[in-house]
PDB file of all heavy atoms in Angstrom:
ATOM      1  N   GLY A   1      11.278   7.857  -1.484  1.00  0.00           N
ATOM      2  CA  GLY A   1      11.736   7.228  -0.262  1.00  0.00           C
ATOM      3  C   GLY A   1      12.044   5.756  -0.455  1.00  0.00           C
ATOM      4  O   GLY A   1      12.079   5.245  -1.581  1.00  0.00           O
ATOM      5  N   THR A   2      12.268   5.077   0.653  1.00  0.00           N
ATOM      6  CA  THR A   2      12.587   3.647   0.574  1.00  0.00           C
ATOM      7  C   THR A   2      11.417   2.846   0.014  1.00  0.00           C
ATOM      8  O   THR A   2      11.606   1.791  -0.586  1.00  0.00           O
ATOM      9  CB  THR A   2      12.964   3.115   1.960  1.00  0.00           C
ATOM     10  OG1 THR A   2      11.918   3.440   2.898  1.00  0.00           O
ATOM     11  CG2 THR A   2      14.272   3.731   2.452  1.00  0.00           C
ATOM     12  N   ALA A   3      10.185   3.323   0.226  1.00  0.00           N
ATOM     13  CA  ALA A   3       9.008   2.596  -0.238  1.00  0.00           C
ATOM     14  C   ALA A   3       8.926   2.502  -1.755  1.00  0.00           C
ATOM     15  O   ALA A   3       8.327   1.571  -2.295  1.00  0.00           O
ATOM     16  CB  ALA A   3       7.734   3.245   0.307  1.00  0.00           C
ATOM     17  N   ASN A   4       9.507   3.464  -2.468  1.00  0.00           N
ATOM     18  CA  ASN A   4       9.519   3.395  -3.938  1.00  0.00           C
ATOM     19  C   ASN A   4      10.938   3.442  -4.492  1.00  0.00           C
ATOM     20  O   ASN A   4      11.174   3.913  -5.601  1.00  0.00           O
ATOM     21  CB  ASN A   4       8.671   4.516  -4.557  1.00  0.00           C
ATOM     22  CG  ASN A   4       9.254   5.902  -4.312  1.00  0.00           C
ATOM     23  OD1 ASN A   4      10.151   6.086  -3.490  1.00  0.00           O
ATOM     24  ND2 ASN A   4       8.743   6.898  -5.033  1.00  0.00           N
ATOM     25  N   SER A   5      11.877   2.926  -3.672  1.00  0.00           N
ATOM     26  CA  SER A   5      13.299   2.871  -4.060  1.00  0.00           C
ATOM     27  C   SER A   5      13.829   4.236  -4.468  1.00  0.00           C
ATOM     28  O   SER A   5      14.649   4.351  -5.377  1.00  0.00           O
ATOM     29  CB  SER A   5      13.502   1.851  -5.195  1.00  0.00           C
ATOM     30  OG  SER A   5      13.082   0.559  -4.790  1.00  0.00           O
ATOM     31  N   TRP A   6      13.320   5.268  -3.797  1.00  0.00           N
ATOM     32  CA  TRP A   6      13.736   6.656  -4.036  1.00  0.00           C
ATOM     33  C   TRP A   6      13.455   7.110  -5.466  1.00  0.00           C
ATOM     34  O   TRP A   6      14.142   7.976  -6.016  1.00  0.00           O
ATOM     35  CB  TRP A   6      15.213   6.871  -3.685  1.00  0.00           C
ATOM     36  CG  TRP A   6      15.472   6.652  -2.232  1.00  0.00           C
ATOM     37  CD1 TRP A   6      15.949   5.518  -1.647  1.00  0.00           C
ATOM     38  CD2 TRP A   6      15.222   7.560  -1.160  1.00  0.00           C
ATOM     39  NE1 TRP A   6      16.023   5.648  -0.283  1.00  0.00           N
ATOM     40  CE2 TRP A   6      15.583   6.910   0.061  1.00  0.00           C
ATOM     41  CE3 TRP A   6      14.742   8.864  -1.088  1.00  0.00           C
ATOM     42  CZ2 TRP A   6      15.474   7.512   1.303  1.00  0.00           C
ATOM     43  CZ3 TRP A   6      14.628   9.463   0.167  1.00  0.00           C
ATOM     44  CH2 TRP A   6      14.995   8.797   1.340  1.00  0.00           C
ATOM     45  N   GLY A   7      12.415   6.520  -6.050  1.00  0.00           N
ATOM     46  CA  GLY A   7      11.958   6.992  -7.359  1.00  0.00           C
ATOM     47  C   GLY A   7      11.101   8.237  -7.205  1.00  0.00           C
ATOM     48  O   GLY A   7      11.164   8.931  -6.171  1.00  0.00           O
ATOM     49  N   THR A   8      10.270   8.532  -8.186  1.00  0.00           N
ATOM     50  CA  THR A   8       9.420   9.717  -8.145  1.00  0.00           C
ATOM     51  C   THR A   8       7.967   9.304  -8.293  1.00  0.00           C
ATOM     52  O   THR A   8       7.517   8.972  -9.387  1.00  0.00           O
ATOM     53  CB  THR A   8       9.793  10.712  -9.254  1.00  0.00           C
ATOM     54  OG1 THR A   8       9.845  10.009 -10.515  1.00  0.00           O
ATOM     55  CG2 THR A   8      11.143  11.353  -8.990  1.00  0.00           C
ATOM     56  N   SER A   9       7.230   9.296  -7.183  1.00  0.00           N
ATOM     57  CA  SER A   9       5.793   9.031  -7.203  1.00  0.00           C
ATOM     58  C   SER A   9       5.076  10.374  -7.151  1.00  0.00           C
ATOM     59  O   SER A   9       5.120  11.084  -6.136  1.00  0.00           O
ATOM     60  CB  SER A   9       5.381   8.165  -6.009  1.00  0.00           C
ATOM     61  OG  SER A   9       6.001   6.895  -6.081  1.00  0.00           O
ATOM     62  N   GLU A  10       4.437  10.738  -8.263  1.00  0.00           N
ATOM     63  CA  GLU A  10       3.835  12.069  -8.361  1.00  0.00           C
ATOM     64  C   GLU A  10       2.611  12.186  -7.465  1.00  0.00           C
ATOM     65  O   GLU A  10       1.748  11.315  -7.437  1.00  0.00           O
ATOM     66  CB  GLU A  10       3.452  12.369  -9.805  1.00  0.00           C
ATOM     67  CG  GLU A  10       2.975  13.794 -10.036  1.00  0.00           C
ATOM     68  CD  GLU A  10       2.832  14.152 -11.494  1.00  0.00           C
ATOM     69  OE1 GLU A  10       2.956  13.236 -12.336  1.00  0.00           O
ATOM     70  OE2 GLU A  10       2.593  15.340 -11.803  1.00  0.00           O
ATOM     71  N   MET A  11       2.527  13.295  -6.728  1.00  0.00           N
ATOM     72  CA  MET A  11       1.391  13.565  -5.873  1.00  0.00           C
ATOM     73  C   MET A  11       0.338  14.347  -6.644  1.00  0.00           C
ATOM     74  O   MET A  11       0.636  15.031  -7.624  1.00  0.00           O
ATOM     75  CB  MET A  11       1.832  14.322  -4.619  1.00  0.00           C
ATOM     76  CG  MET A  11       2.883  13.580  -3.804  1.00  0.00           C
ATOM     77  SD  MET A  11       3.315  14.393  -2.235  1.00  0.00           S
ATOM     78  CE  MET A  11       1.807  14.155  -1.290  1.00  0.00           C
ATOM     79  N   THR A  12      -0.919  14.254  -6.204  1.00  0.00           N
ATOM     80  CA  THR A  12      -2.044  14.877  -6.887  1.00  0.00           C
ATOM     81  C   THR A  12      -2.589  16.033  -6.064  1.00  0.00           C
ATOM     82  O   THR A  12      -2.762  15.910  -4.842  1.00  0.00           O
ATOM     83  CB  THR A  12      -3.168  13.853  -7.120  1.00  0.00           C
ATOM     84  OG1 THR A  12      -2.660  12.760  -7.892  1.00  0.00           O
ATOM     85  CG2 THR A  12      -4.333  14.480  -7.875  1.00  0.00           C
ATOM     86  N   LEU A  13      -2.867  17.163  -6.731  1.00  0.00           N
ATOM     87  CA  LEU A  13      -3.491  18.305  -6.068  1.00  0.00           C
ATOM     88  C   LEU A  13      -4.996  18.030  -5.996  1.00  0.00           C
ATOM     89  O   LEU A  13      -5.698  18.071  -7.013  1.00  0.00           O
ATOM     90  CB  LEU A  13      -3.212  19.593  -6.844  1.00  0.00           C
ATOM     91  CG  LEU A  13      -3.742  20.889  -6.240  1.00  0.00           C
ATOM     92  CD1 LEU A  13      -2.999  21.235  -4.959  1.00  0.00           C
ATOM     93  CD2 LEU A  13      -3.611  22.043  -7.243  1.00  0.00           C
ATOM     94  N   VAL A  14      -5.511  17.712  -4.807  1.00  0.00           N
ATOM     95  CA  VAL A  14      -6.894  17.262  -4.672  1.00  0.00           C
ATOM     96  C   VAL A  14      -7.844  18.382  -4.259  1.00  0.00           C
ATOM     97  O   VAL A  14      -9.052  18.313  -4.527  1.00  0.00           O
ATOM     98  CB  VAL A  14      -6.991  16.089  -3.677  1.00  0.00           C
ATOM     99  CG1 VAL A  14      -6.300  14.865  -4.236  1.00  0.00           C
ATOM    100  CG2 VAL A  14      -6.398  16.464  -2.318  1.00  0.00           C
ATOM    101  N   THR A  15      -7.343  19.393  -3.588  1.00  0.00           N
ATOM    102  CA  THR A  15      -8.128  20.559  -3.200  1.00  0.00           C
ATOM    103  C   THR A  15      -7.148  21.703  -2.974  1.00  0.00           C
ATOM    104  O   THR A  15      -5.941  21.529  -3.157  1.00  0.00           O
ATOM    105  CB  THR A  15      -8.965  20.266  -1.938  1.00  0.00           C
ATOM    106  OG1 THR A  15      -9.851  21.380  -1.692  1.00  0.00           O
ATOM    107  CG2 THR A  15      -8.086  20.036  -0.722  1.00  0.00           C
ATOM    108  N   ASP A  16      -7.642  22.871  -2.591  1.00  0.00           N
ATOM    109  CA  ASP A  16      -6.759  24.031  -2.455  1.00  0.00           C
ATOM    110  C   ASP A  16      -5.551  23.709  -1.583  1.00  0.00           C
ATOM    111  O   ASP A  16      -5.695  23.342  -0.406  1.00  0.00           O
ATOM    112  CB  ASP A  16      -7.517  25.206  -1.834  1.00  0.00           C
ATOM    113  CG  ASP A  16      -8.478  25.860  -2.815  1.00  0.00           C
ATOM    114  OD1 ASP A  16      -8.472  25.474  -3.994  1.00  0.00           O
ATOM    115  OD2 ASP A  16      -9.247  26.751  -2.390  1.00  0.00           O
ATOM    116  N   HIS A  17      -4.366  23.801  -2.196  1.00  0.00           N
ATOM    117  CA  HIS A  17      -3.081  23.676  -1.493  1.00  0.00           C
ATOM    118  C   HIS A  17      -2.840  22.311  -0.859  1.00  0.00           C
ATOM    119  O   HIS A  17      -1.926  22.167  -0.042  1.00  0.00           O
ATOM    120  CB  HIS A  17      -2.948  24.770  -0.427  1.00  0.00           C
ATOM    121  CG  HIS A  17      -3.042  26.158  -0.968  1.00  0.00           C
ATOM    122  ND1 HIS A  17      -2.087  26.697  -1.799  1.00  0.00           N
ATOM    123  CD2 HIS A  17      -4.008  27.113  -0.814  1.00  0.00           C
ATOM    124  CE1 HIS A  17      -2.444  27.940  -2.133  1.00  0.00           C
ATOM    125  NE2 HIS A  17      -3.600  28.204  -1.556  1.00  0.00           N
ATOM    126  N   THR A  18      -3.625  21.301  -1.216  1.00  0.00           N
ATOM    127  CA  THR A  18      -3.484  19.979  -0.604  1.00  0.00           C
ATOM    128  C   THR A  18      -3.103  18.939  -1.648  1.00  0.00           C
ATOM    129  O   THR A  18      -3.840  18.709  -2.608  1.00  0.00           O
ATOM    130  CB  THR A  18      -4.785  19.548   0.097  1.00  0.00           C
ATOM    131  OG1 THR A  18      -5.126  20.518   1.086  1.00  0.00           O
ATOM    132  CG2 THR A  18      -4.606  18.191   0.766  1.00  0.00           C
ATOM    133  N   TRP A  19      -1.944  18.315  -1.428  1.00  0.00           N
ATOM    134  CA  TRP A  19      -1.427  17.283  -2.311  1.00  0.00           C
ATOM    135  C   TRP A  19      -1.485  15.941  -1.587  1.00  0.00           C
ATOM    136  O   TRP A  19      -1.288  15.886  -0.382  1.00  0.00           O
ATOM    137  CB  TRP A  19       0.029  17.580  -2.685  1.00  0.00           C
ATOM    138  CG  TRP A  19       0.229  18.879  -3.392  1.00  0.00           C
ATOM    139  CD1 TRP A  19       0.265  20.137  -2.830  1.00  0.00           C
ATOM    140  CD2 TRP A  19       0.415  19.078  -4.795  1.00  0.00           C
ATOM    141  NE1 TRP A  19       0.472  21.091  -3.794  1.00  0.00           N
ATOM    142  CE2 TRP A  19       0.572  20.472  -5.015  1.00  0.00           C
ATOM    143  CE3 TRP A  19       0.486  18.205  -5.886  1.00  0.00           C
ATOM    144  CZ2 TRP A  19       0.774  21.004  -6.285  1.00  0.00           C
ATOM    145  CZ3 TRP A  19       0.690  18.734  -7.151  1.00  0.00           C
ATOM    146  CH2 TRP A  19       0.830  20.115  -7.342  1.00  0.00           C
ATOM    147  N   GLU A  20      -1.735  14.857  -2.344  1.00  0.00           N
ATOM    148  CA  GLU A  20      -1.744  13.558  -1.694  1.00  0.00           C
ATOM    149  C   GLU A  20      -1.287  12.456  -2.651  1.00  0.00           C
ATOM    150  O   GLU A  20      -1.342  12.585  -3.874  1.00  0.00           O
ATOM    151  CB  GLU A  20      -3.132  13.224  -1.140  1.00  0.00           C
ATOM    152  CG  GLU A  20      -4.191  12.959  -2.166  1.00  0.00           C
ATOM    153  CD  GLU A  20      -5.527  12.541  -1.542  1.00  0.00           C
ATOM    154  OE1 GLU A  20      -5.825  12.941  -0.395  1.00  0.00           O
ATOM    155  OE2 GLU A  20      -6.276  11.816  -2.224  1.00  0.00           O
ATOM    156  N   VAL A  21      -0.838  11.364  -2.039  1.00  0.00           N
ATOM    157  CA  VAL A  21      -0.450  10.169  -2.773  1.00  0.00           C
ATOM    158  C   VAL A  21      -0.557   8.985  -1.822  1.00  0.00           C
ATOM    159  O   VAL A  21      -0.308   9.116  -0.621  1.00  0.00           O
ATOM    160  CB  VAL A  21       0.993  10.281  -3.332  1.00  0.00           C
ATOM    161  CG1 VAL A  21       2.024  10.329  -2.218  1.00  0.00           C
ATOM    162  CG2 VAL A  21       1.297   9.140  -4.287  1.00  0.00           C
ATOM    163  N   GLU A  22      -0.979   7.837  -2.343  1.00  0.00           N
ATOM    164  CA  GLU A  22      -1.040   6.631  -1.535  1.00  0.00           C
ATOM    165  C   GLU A  22       0.298   5.903  -1.643  1.00  0.00           C
ATOM    166  O   GLU A  22       0.804   5.678  -2.739  1.00  0.00           O
ATOM    167  CB  GLU A  22      -2.168   5.721  -2.003  1.00  0.00           C
ATOM    168  CG  GLU A  22      -2.340   4.473  -1.147  1.00  0.00           C
ATOM    169  CD  GLU A  22      -3.533   3.633  -1.561  1.00  0.00           C
ATOM    170  OE1 GLU A  22      -4.516   4.199  -2.092  1.00  0.00           O
ATOM    171  OE2 GLU A  22      -3.481   2.392  -1.357  1.00  0.00           O
ATOM    172  N   VAL A  23       0.850   5.552  -0.487  1.00  0.00           N
ATOM    173  CA  VAL A  23       2.158   4.907  -0.438  1.00  0.00           C
ATOM    174  C   VAL A  23       2.029   3.579   0.302  1.00  0.00           C
ATOM    175  O   VAL A  23       1.396   3.513   1.365  1.00  0.00           O
ATOM    176  CB  VAL A  23       3.195   5.794   0.285  1.00  0.00           C
ATOM    177  CG1 VAL A  23       4.567   5.112   0.300  1.00  0.00           C
ATOM    178  CG2 VAL A  23       3.281   7.161  -0.364  1.00  0.00           C
ATOM    179  N   ASN A  24       2.604   2.534  -0.251  1.00  0.00           N
ATOM    180  CA  ASN A  24       2.629   1.225   0.413  1.00  0.00           C
ATOM    181  C   ASN A  24       3.966   1.055   1.138  1.00  0.00           C
ATOM    182  O   ASN A  24       4.998   0.821   0.506  1.00  0.00           O
ATOM    183  CB  ASN A  24       2.421   0.115  -0.607  1.00  0.00           C
ATOM    184  CG  ASN A  24       1.003   0.082  -1.147  1.00  0.00           C
ATOM    185  OD1 ASN A  24       0.053   0.009  -0.375  1.00  0.00           O
ATOM    186  ND2 ASN A  24       0.852   0.161  -2.460  1.00  0.00           N
ATOM    187  N   PHE A  25       3.927   1.188   2.449  1.00  0.00           N
ATOM    188  CA  PHE A  25       5.119   1.034   3.274  1.00  0.00           C
ATOM    189  C   PHE A  25       5.272  -0.438   3.689  1.00  0.00           C
ATOM    190  O   PHE A  25       4.273  -1.128   3.938  1.00  0.00           O
ATOM    191  CB  PHE A  25       5.040   1.906   4.518  1.00  0.00           C
ATOM    192  CG  PHE A  25       5.094   3.384   4.243  1.00  0.00           C
ATOM    193  CD1 PHE A  25       3.925   4.122   4.101  1.00  0.00           C
ATOM    194  CD2 PHE A  25       6.305   4.040   4.126  1.00  0.00           C
ATOM    195  CE1 PHE A  25       3.969   5.481   3.846  1.00  0.00           C
ATOM    196  CE2 PHE A  25       6.370   5.400   3.877  1.00  0.00           C
ATOM    197  CZ  PHE A  25       5.198   6.123   3.730  1.00  0.00           C
ATOM    198  N   ASP A  26       6.517  -0.906   3.781  1.00  0.00           N
ATOM    199  CA  ASP A  26       6.749  -2.303   4.173  1.00  0.00           C
ATOM    200  C   ASP A  26       7.349  -2.433   5.569  1.00  0.00           C
ATOM    201  O   ASP A  26       7.650  -3.532   6.024  1.00  0.00           O
ATOM    202  CB  ASP A  26       7.633  -3.014   3.149  1.00  0.00           C
ATOM    203  CG  ASP A  26       8.997  -2.348   2.969  1.00  0.00           C
ATOM    204  OD1 ASP A  26       9.324  -1.447   3.766  1.00  0.00           O
ATOM    205  OD2 ASP A  26       9.722  -2.728   2.032  1.00  0.00           O
ATOM    206  N   GLY A  27       7.518  -1.306   6.272  1.00  0.00           N
ATOM    207  CA  GLY A  27       8.007  -1.350   7.636  1.00  0.00           C
ATOM    208  C   GLY A  27       9.452  -1.775   7.777  1.00  0.00           C
ATOM    209  O   GLY A  27       9.890  -2.166   8.861  1.00  0.00           O
ATOM    210  N   GLN A  28      10.237  -1.690   6.722  1.00  0.00           N
ATOM    211  CA  GLN A  28      11.633  -2.117   6.770  1.00  0.00           C
ATOM    212  C   GLN A  28      12.438  -1.243   7.724  1.00  0.00           C
ATOM    213  O   GLN A  28      12.035  -0.135   8.087  1.00  0.00           O
ATOM    214  CB  GLN A  28      12.247  -2.046   5.367  1.00  0.00           C
ATOM    215  CG  GLN A  28      12.311  -0.644   4.784  1.00  0.00           C
ATOM    216  CD  GLN A  28      12.977  -0.606   3.422  1.00  0.00           C
ATOM    217  OE1 GLN A  28      14.198  -0.501   3.331  1.00  0.00           O
ATOM    218  NE2 GLN A  28      12.173  -0.705   2.369  1.00  0.00           N
ATOM    219  N   ALA A  29      13.563  -1.748   8.133  1.00  0.00           N
ATOM    220  CA  ALA A  29      14.447  -0.987   9.024  1.00  0.00           C
ATOM    221  C   ALA A  29      14.931   0.279   8.314  1.00  0.00           C
ATOM    222  O   ALA A  29      15.167   0.279   7.106  1.00  0.00           O
ATOM    223  CB  ALA A  29      15.637  -1.856   9.429  1.00  0.00           C
ATOM    224  N   ASN A  30      15.035   1.346   9.074  1.00  0.00           N
ATOM    225  CA  ASN A  30      15.507   2.628   8.556  1.00  0.00           C
ATOM    226  C   ASN A  30      14.615   3.134   7.420  1.00  0.00           C
ATOM    227  O   ASN A  30      15.075   3.734   6.462  1.00  0.00           O
ATOM    228  CB  ASN A  30      16.957   2.526   8.068  1.00  0.00           C
ATOM    229  CG  ASN A  30      17.633   3.891   7.976  1.00  0.00           C
ATOM    230  OD1 ASN A  30      17.288   4.816   8.708  1.00  0.00           O
ATOM    231  ND2 ASN A  30      18.595   4.008   7.072  1.00  0.00           N
ATOM    232  N   GLN A  31      13.315   2.908   7.536  1.00  0.00           N
ATOM    233  CA  GLN A  31      12.348   3.352   6.527  1.00  0.00           C
ATOM    234  C   GLN A  31      12.199   4.871   6.592  1.00  0.00           C
ATOM    235  O   GLN A  31      11.997   5.433   7.664  1.00  0.00           O
ATOM    236  CB  GLN A  31      11.003   2.668   6.809  1.00  0.00           C
ATOM    237  CG  GLN A  31       9.920   2.986   5.805  1.00  0.00           C
ATOM    238  CD  GLN A  31       8.675   2.178   6.102  1.00  0.00           C
ATOM    239  OE1 GLN A  31       8.293   1.320   5.335  1.00  0.00           O
ATOM    240  NE2 GLN A  31       8.035   2.435   7.251  1.00  0.00           N
ATOM    241  N   ARG A  32      12.275   5.540   5.457  1.00  0.00           N
ATOM    242  CA  ARG A  32      12.256   6.997   5.452  1.00  0.00           C
ATOM    243  C   ARG A  32      11.857   7.522   4.084  1.00  0.00           C
ATOM    244  O   ARG A  32      11.828   6.780   3.104  1.00  0.00           O
ATOM    245  CB  ARG A  32      13.633   7.548   5.856  1.00  0.00           C
ATOM    246  CG  ARG A  32      14.756   7.165   4.926  1.00  0.00           C
ATOM    247  CD  ARG A  32      16.110   7.300   5.617  1.00  0.00           C
ATOM    248  NE  ARG A  32      17.218   7.172   4.666  1.00  0.00           N
ATOM    249  CZ  ARG A  32      17.687   6.013   4.226  1.00  0.00           C
ATOM    250  NH1 ARG A  32      17.151   4.868   4.643  1.00  0.00           N
ATOM    251  NH2 ARG A  32      18.698   5.979   3.369  1.00  0.00           N
ATOM    252  N   PHE A  33      11.596   8.844   4.022  1.00  0.00           N
ATOM    253  CA  PHE A  33      11.199   9.467   2.754  1.00  0.00           C
ATOM    254  C   PHE A  33      11.435  10.967   2.808  1.00  0.00           C
ATOM    255  O   PHE A  33      11.705  11.549   3.864  1.00  0.00           O
ATOM    256  CB  PHE A  33       9.729   9.163   2.428  1.00  0.00           C
ATOM    257  CG  PHE A  33       8.738   9.781   3.391  1.00  0.00           C
ATOM    258  CD1 PHE A  33       8.186  11.033   3.149  1.00  0.00           C
ATOM    259  CD2 PHE A  33       8.339   9.097   4.535  1.00  0.00           C
ATOM    260  CE1 PHE A  33       7.257  11.591   4.024  1.00  0.00           C
ATOM    261  CE2 PHE A  33       7.413   9.647   5.415  1.00  0.00           C
ATOM    262  CZ  PHE A  33       6.882  10.901   5.159  1.00  0.00           C
ATOM    263  N   LYS A  34      11.301  11.599   1.641  1.00  0.00           N
ATOM    264  CA  LYS A  34      11.347  13.049   1.514  1.00  0.00           C
ATOM    265  C   LYS A  34      10.327  13.467   0.453  1.00  0.00           C
ATOM    266  O   LYS A  34       9.788  12.623  -0.278  1.00  0.00           O
ATOM    267  CB  LYS A  34      12.749  13.546   1.113  1.00  0.00           C
ATOM    268  CG  LYS A  34      13.835  13.223   2.124  1.00  0.00           C
ATOM    269  CD  LYS A  34      15.152  13.929   1.811  1.00  0.00           C
ATOM    270  CE  LYS A  34      15.123  15.375   2.253  1.00  0.00           C
ATOM    271  NZ  LYS A  34      16.445  16.023   2.164  1.00  0.00           N
ATOM    272  N   LEU A  35      10.070  14.762   0.354  1.00  0.00           N
ATOM    273  CA  LEU A  35       9.205  15.326  -0.673  1.00  0.00           C
ATOM    274  C   LEU A  35      10.054  16.179  -1.604  1.00  0.00           C
ATOM    275  O   LEU A  35      10.869  16.982  -1.135  1.00  0.00           O
ATOM    276  CB  LEU A  35       8.091  16.179  -0.055  1.00  0.00           C
ATOM    277  CG  LEU A  35       6.923  15.450   0.621  1.00  0.00           C
ATOM    278  CD1 LEU A  35       6.307  14.426  -0.322  1.00  0.00           C
ATOM    279  CD2 LEU A  35       7.331  14.780   1.908  1.00  0.00           C
TER     280      LEU A  35
END
């Protein structure tokens, strides 16, 4: 997303079927992301 310039921040499987990643958002206009 915009928070990582649309790069690839790998998410971690922390428990059954649950993935997570910490993201630092800057609140910029039109801030968005995808998985």
